[in-house]
Protein backbone atom coordinates (compact mmCIF):
# COMPACT_ATOMS: atom_id res chain seq x y z
CA MET A 1 42.13 -36.28 -104.59
CA ASN A 2 38.83 -37.64 -105.90
CA LYS A 3 40.15 -41.20 -105.54
CA VAL A 4 41.15 -40.51 -101.92
CA ILE A 5 37.71 -39.10 -101.04
CA THR A 6 35.93 -41.96 -102.82
CA SER A 7 38.03 -44.53 -100.96
CA LEU A 8 37.30 -42.87 -97.62
CA ARG A 9 33.57 -42.75 -98.34
CA ARG A 10 33.49 -46.50 -98.88
CA THR A 11 34.31 -47.03 -95.18
CA PRO A 12 32.48 -44.13 -93.49
CA TYR A 13 32.52 -45.48 -89.93
CA GLN A 14 36.24 -46.21 -89.90
CA THR A 15 36.93 -42.84 -91.55
CA PHE A 16 34.82 -41.00 -88.98
CA ALA A 17 36.52 -42.80 -86.09
CA ALA A 18 40.00 -42.02 -87.40
CA LEU A 19 39.11 -38.38 -88.14
CA SER A 20 37.53 -37.89 -84.70
CA VAL A 21 40.53 -39.28 -82.84
CA LEU A 22 42.93 -37.19 -84.91
CA PHE A 23 40.83 -34.07 -84.38
CA PHE A 24 40.70 -34.40 -80.59
CA THR A 25 44.39 -35.30 -80.40
CA LEU A 26 45.40 -32.23 -82.41
CA LEU A 27 42.91 -30.01 -80.60
CA LEU A 28 44.28 -31.00 -77.20
CA SER A 29 47.87 -30.72 -78.41
CA GLY A 30 47.13 -27.19 -79.62
CA LEU A 31 45.46 -26.25 -76.33
CA LEU A 32 48.39 -27.62 -74.35
CA PHE A 33 50.90 -25.79 -76.56
CA ILE A 34 49.00 -22.52 -76.12
CA SER A 35 48.75 -23.03 -72.34
CA LEU A 36 52.48 -23.73 -72.01
CA SER A 37 53.29 -20.69 -74.16
CA PHE A 38 51.12 -18.45 -72.00
CA LEU A 39 52.69 -19.83 -68.80
CA ARG A 40 56.19 -19.38 -70.21
CA GLY A 41 55.35 -15.83 -71.28
CA LEU A 42 53.87 -15.00 -67.87
CA LEU A 43 56.93 -16.44 -66.12
CA ASP A 44 59.29 -14.47 -68.34
CA TYR A 45 57.27 -11.30 -67.68
CA VAL A 46 57.42 -11.77 -63.90
CA GLU A 47 61.14 -12.50 -64.05
CA THR A 48 61.78 -9.22 -65.89
CA ARG A 49 60.09 -7.14 -63.18
CA PRO A 50 62.16 -5.60 -60.35
CA ARG A 51 62.56 -8.64 -58.16
CA VAL A 52 64.26 -7.20 -55.09
CA ILE A 53 63.07 -3.93 -53.61
CA ILE A 54 65.11 -2.43 -50.78
CA TYR A 55 63.34 0.22 -48.73
CA PHE A 56 65.53 2.56 -46.69
CA GLN A 57 64.68 4.56 -43.61
CA VAL A 58 63.11 7.91 -44.46
CA LYS A 59 66.07 9.92 -43.15
CA SER A 60 68.73 7.51 -44.35
CA PRO A 61 71.72 9.41 -45.82
CA VAL A 62 72.50 9.02 -49.51
CA LYS A 63 75.91 7.49 -48.72
CA ASN A 64 74.17 4.46 -47.13
CA ILE A 65 72.09 3.93 -50.27
CA THR A 66 75.17 4.29 -52.47
CA ALA A 67 77.09 1.81 -50.30
CA VAL A 68 74.32 -0.81 -50.66
CA SER A 69 74.18 -0.24 -54.42
CA GLU A 70 77.95 -0.72 -54.74
CA LEU A 71 77.79 -3.84 -52.57
CA LEU A 72 75.18 -5.37 -54.86
CA LYS A 73 77.13 -4.48 -57.99
CA SER A 74 80.23 -6.17 -56.56
CA THR A 75 78.38 -9.53 -56.40
CA ASN A 76 78.07 -9.56 -60.22
CA LYS A 77 74.62 -11.12 -59.79
CA THR A 78 72.50 -8.14 -60.76
CA THR A 79 71.48 -6.87 -64.18
CA LYS A 80 70.06 -3.50 -63.21
CA ILE A 81 69.86 -1.31 -60.10
CA THR A 82 67.34 1.56 -60.10
CA TYR A 83 67.33 4.26 -57.43
CA ILE A 84 63.89 5.59 -56.47
CA SER A 85 64.23 8.85 -54.59
CA GLN A 86 61.56 10.25 -52.28
CA GLU A 87 60.46 12.67 -55.00
CA LYS A 88 60.23 9.87 -57.56
CA ALA A 89 58.33 7.71 -55.07
CA PHE A 90 55.88 10.59 -54.60
CA GLU A 91 55.36 10.88 -58.37
CA ILE A 92 54.59 7.15 -58.53
CA TYR A 93 52.25 7.48 -55.55
CA LYS A 94 50.38 10.32 -57.27
CA GLU A 95 49.74 8.14 -60.31
CA PHE A 96 48.19 5.43 -58.15
CA THR A 97 46.04 7.84 -56.12
CA GLU A 98 45.00 10.29 -58.84
CA ASN A 99 41.35 9.29 -58.31
CA ASP A 100 41.53 9.88 -54.54
CA PRO A 101 42.64 13.48 -53.82
CA LEU A 102 42.22 13.00 -50.06
CA LEU A 103 44.98 10.41 -49.92
CA LEU A 104 47.23 12.67 -51.98
CA GLU A 105 46.71 15.62 -49.62
CA MET A 106 47.76 13.47 -46.67
CA THR A 107 51.08 12.49 -48.27
CA SER A 108 54.29 14.36 -49.07
CA PRO A 109 57.70 13.28 -50.41
CA GLU A 110 59.25 13.67 -46.95
CA ILE A 111 57.32 10.74 -45.47
CA LEU A 112 58.00 8.28 -48.31
CA PRO A 113 61.10 6.06 -48.11
CA PRO A 114 63.77 6.02 -50.82
CA SER A 115 64.39 2.61 -52.36
CA LEU A 116 66.45 0.51 -54.74
CA GLU A 117 64.85 -1.79 -57.31
CA ILE A 118 67.14 -4.68 -58.22
CA ASP A 119 66.95 -7.00 -61.24
CA VAL A 120 68.97 -10.18 -60.70
CA LYS A 121 70.39 -12.61 -63.24
CA LYS A 122 68.76 -15.73 -61.78
CA PRO A 123 65.81 -16.27 -59.41
CA GLU A 124 68.11 -18.39 -57.22
CA TYR A 125 70.00 -15.23 -56.26
CA LEU A 126 66.97 -13.59 -54.63
CA PRO A 127 67.29 -14.93 -51.06
CA GLU A 128 71.08 -14.55 -51.09
CA LEU A 129 71.01 -10.86 -52.07
CA ALA A 130 68.08 -10.11 -49.76
CA GLU A 131 69.98 -11.57 -46.82
CA LEU A 132 73.15 -9.73 -47.86
CA VAL A 133 71.58 -6.26 -47.64
CA SER A 134 69.02 -6.80 -44.88
CA ASP A 135 71.42 -5.81 -42.09
CA GLN A 136 73.14 -2.94 -43.92
CA PRO A 137 72.99 0.56 -42.34
CA GLY A 138 69.84 2.46 -43.28
CA VAL A 139 67.96 -0.56 -44.69
CA ASP A 140 64.42 -0.71 -43.32
CA GLU A 141 62.82 -3.55 -45.35
CA VAL A 142 63.64 -5.94 -48.19
CA GLN A 143 60.93 -7.39 -50.44
CA TYR A 144 61.25 -9.87 -53.30
CA GLN A 145 58.98 -12.03 -55.45
CA GLN A 146 60.50 -15.42 -54.81
CA ASP A 147 57.19 -17.09 -53.94
CA ILE A 148 55.55 -15.95 -57.18
CA ILE A 149 58.42 -17.10 -59.36
CA GLU A 150 58.79 -20.45 -57.56
CA ASN A 151 55.05 -21.13 -57.88
CA LEU A 152 55.11 -20.32 -61.60
CA LEU A 153 58.17 -22.52 -62.13
CA LYS A 154 56.47 -25.41 -60.33
CA LEU A 155 53.25 -24.88 -62.27
CA THR A 156 55.09 -24.80 -65.60
CA SER A 157 57.05 -27.95 -64.71
CA ASN A 158 53.89 -29.80 -63.63
CA VAL A 159 51.99 -28.76 -66.75
CA ARG A 160 54.87 -29.94 -68.93
CA SER A 161 54.97 -33.32 -67.21
CA VAL A 162 51.21 -33.82 -67.45
CA THR A 163 51.23 -32.58 -71.05
CA PHE A 164 53.94 -35.04 -72.09
CA ALA A 165 52.21 -38.02 -70.44
CA PHE A 166 48.73 -37.12 -71.67
CA PHE A 167 49.79 -36.26 -75.20
CA SER A 168 51.90 -39.44 -75.48
CA TYR A 169 48.81 -41.44 -74.60
CA LEU A 170 46.68 -39.56 -77.13
CA MET A 171 49.27 -40.00 -79.86
CA PHE A 172 49.55 -43.72 -79.10
CA MET A 173 45.77 -44.18 -79.24
CA SER A 174 45.52 -42.13 -82.43
CA MET A 175 48.14 -44.26 -84.15
CA ILE A 176 46.38 -47.45 -83.05
CA VAL A 177 43.01 -46.29 -84.40
CA LEU A 178 44.49 -45.03 -87.66
CA THR A 179 46.64 -48.14 -88.12
CA THR A 180 43.62 -50.38 -87.50
CA THR A 181 41.54 -48.41 -90.01
CA LEU A 182 44.20 -48.64 -92.68
CA SER A 183 44.79 -52.34 -91.96
CA PHE A 184 41.09 -52.96 -92.51
CA LYS A 185 41.23 -51.14 -95.85
CA ILE A 186 44.34 -53.04 -96.90
CA ALA A 187 42.71 -56.37 -95.99
CA LEU A 188 39.76 -55.50 -98.23
CA LYS A 189 42.15 -54.79 -101.11
CA ARG A 190 44.39 -57.81 -100.57
CA GLU A 191 43.52 -59.36 -103.92
CA GLU A 192 44.07 -56.06 -105.72
CA ILE A 193 47.46 -55.69 -104.01
CA SER A 194 48.42 -59.24 -105.02
CA ILE A 195 47.60 -58.47 -108.65
CA LEU A 196 49.63 -55.27 -108.53
CA ARG A 197 52.62 -57.15 -107.13
CA LEU A 198 52.33 -59.75 -109.90
CA LEU A 199 52.37 -56.91 -112.41
CA GLY A 200 55.62 -55.67 -110.88
CA ALA A 201 54.33 -52.79 -108.77
CA THR A 202 56.81 -51.62 -106.14
CA ASN A 203 55.99 -51.39 -102.45
CA SER A 204 56.18 -47.59 -102.58
CA TYR A 205 53.62 -47.53 -105.41
CA ILE A 206 51.24 -49.75 -103.41
CA ARG A 207 51.72 -47.66 -100.28
CA LYS A 208 50.92 -44.33 -101.89
CA PRO A 209 47.08 -44.52 -101.87
CA PHE A 210 47.01 -45.44 -98.18
CA ILE A 211 49.53 -42.76 -97.26
CA TYR A 212 47.50 -40.19 -99.20
CA GLU A 213 44.35 -41.19 -97.34
CA SER A 214 45.91 -40.91 -93.89
CA VAL A 215 47.62 -37.61 -94.71
CA PHE A 216 44.35 -36.26 -96.11
CA LEU A 217 42.61 -37.12 -92.83
CA GLY A 218 45.44 -35.41 -90.98
CA VAL A 219 45.06 -32.24 -93.06
CA VAL A 220 41.31 -32.11 -92.45
CA ALA A 221 41.73 -32.76 -88.71
CA THR A 222 44.48 -30.10 -88.47
CA ALA A 223 42.32 -27.52 -90.21
CA LEU A 224 39.27 -28.25 -88.04
CA ALA A 225 41.32 -28.21 -84.82
CA ASN A 226 42.96 -24.87 -85.65
CA VAL A 227 39.67 -23.26 -86.67
CA PHE A 228 38.29 -24.28 -83.28
CA LEU A 229 41.40 -23.05 -81.43
CA ILE A 230 41.55 -19.68 -83.18
CA GLY A 231 37.82 -19.17 -82.78
CA SER A 232 38.06 -19.96 -79.06
CA LEU A 233 40.97 -17.54 -78.53
CA LEU A 234 39.19 -14.74 -80.40
CA SER A 235 35.98 -15.30 -78.45
CA MET A 236 37.92 -15.14 -75.16
CA SER A 237 39.81 -11.96 -76.04
CA ALA A 238 37.72 -9.87 -73.65
CA PHE A 239 38.42 -12.28 -70.79
CA PHE A 240 42.16 -12.26 -71.48
CA ASP A 241 42.17 -8.45 -71.72
CA GLN A 242 40.67 -8.28 -68.24
CA TYR A 243 42.84 -11.08 -66.85
CA PHE A 244 46.09 -9.55 -68.12
CA THR A 245 45.20 -5.99 -67.15
CA GLY A 246 48.38 -4.01 -66.63
CA ILE A 247 50.49 -6.41 -68.71
CA PRO A 248 51.13 -4.84 -72.14
CA ALA A 249 52.33 -8.07 -73.79
CA LEU A 250 53.51 -11.60 -73.08
CA ALA A 251 56.43 -13.04 -75.03
CA ALA A 252 57.85 -16.55 -74.85
CA ASN A 253 60.80 -18.33 -76.40
CA VAL A 254 59.21 -20.91 -78.72
CA PHE A 255 61.69 -23.25 -80.46
CA GLY A 256 64.42 -20.61 -80.18
CA ILE A 257 62.17 -17.83 -81.51
CA THR A 258 60.93 -15.03 -79.26
CA LEU A 259 57.23 -14.90 -80.03
CA THR A 260 54.51 -12.61 -78.71
CA VAL A 261 51.79 -14.89 -77.33
CA TRP A 262 49.57 -12.10 -76.07
CA PRO A 263 47.88 -10.03 -77.47
CA PHE A 264 46.78 -12.77 -79.84
CA ASN A 265 48.43 -12.29 -83.23
CA VAL A 266 48.92 -13.91 -86.62
CA GLY A 267 52.48 -15.05 -85.86
CA PHE A 268 51.42 -17.07 -82.83
CA SER A 269 48.50 -18.63 -84.73
CA ILE A 270 50.90 -19.69 -87.51
CA ILE A 271 53.26 -21.33 -85.00
CA THR A 272 50.31 -23.12 -83.35
CA PHE A 273 49.14 -24.37 -86.75
CA ALA A 274 52.67 -25.55 -87.58
CA VAL A 275 52.96 -27.47 -84.29
CA THR A 276 49.65 -29.29 -84.80
CA ALA A 277 50.50 -29.96 -88.45
CA ILE A 278 53.83 -31.56 -87.51
CA PHE A 279 52.12 -33.79 -84.94
CA SER A 280 49.49 -34.69 -87.50
CA LEU A 281 52.11 -35.59 -90.10
CA PHE A 282 54.02 -37.73 -87.61
CA ILE A 283 50.89 -39.66 -86.60
CA THR A 284 49.52 -40.19 -90.12
CA LEU A 285 52.80 -41.16 -91.77
CA GLY A 286 53.76 -43.41 -88.88
CA SER A 287 50.40 -45.17 -88.89
CA SER A 288 50.32 -45.69 -92.67
CA LEU A 289 53.86 -47.09 -92.71
CA ILE A 290 53.13 -49.48 -89.83
CA ALA A 291 49.89 -50.69 -91.44
CA THR A 292 51.33 -51.20 -94.92
CA ASN A 293 54.51 -52.87 -93.69
CA ARG A 294 52.45 -55.69 -92.19
CA TYR A 295 51.18 -56.65 -95.67
CA LEU A 296 54.16 -55.76 -97.84
CA LYS A 297 56.90 -57.78 -96.15
């Protein structure tokens, strides 16, 4: 370790340039990963809400509601159908108007419509099922959240595309800077490398010091980037609490693992650290191998 630090201190400007590029690359990759995780979690949350709500006429007979429910079940495109009676609707209304007694006095269960809340298997089924029940006897109105889901899907897709393009550029530039830095160091030690080869040193033995240096820079950059990321998330906790008011938690499928992304927790911070560390390892090892191969052929 002391040899690595001493070697890096001999070329401070190149070391600073390589460390800075690595830091910003890993910082941005962490920010983009967190943003995508939050968007995925928000999309999953919206998709688990009742997505089709069918309001019936106030005096609609129960048999009409049952018929619509059976019709929806027969499509095999729903996951859950919840019946909201007039009494249940009134209980929900009371919860929303508990701070305004005047509104509560003006309302009774008899004037509220019964409804069905439908969860569907895929967002693509929303317009089809809405059209299917819209002209059924007793149906007064059909509402669904297609616009919200479509906008979130488009936003997630756009962010992914921009993320891939931007991060690919950052990774490419990071590898160029790190490769150039290592090439400069190798050129300064050309005579030393020649002597080592005459003494029978293998290519892997000669590579090790340069690989250690690049990996060490990657470790430092990863640590600094994650300290900044975690500090930023903790400092913005109050903002997120206000922004996600009414949403108890956000969970996203990250690499096949269902992970709670909000409220901020240790598990999510570990995954974020692991993602940035993997990127860092890929960049540093790739750069050191490219640089050393040019002189060890």
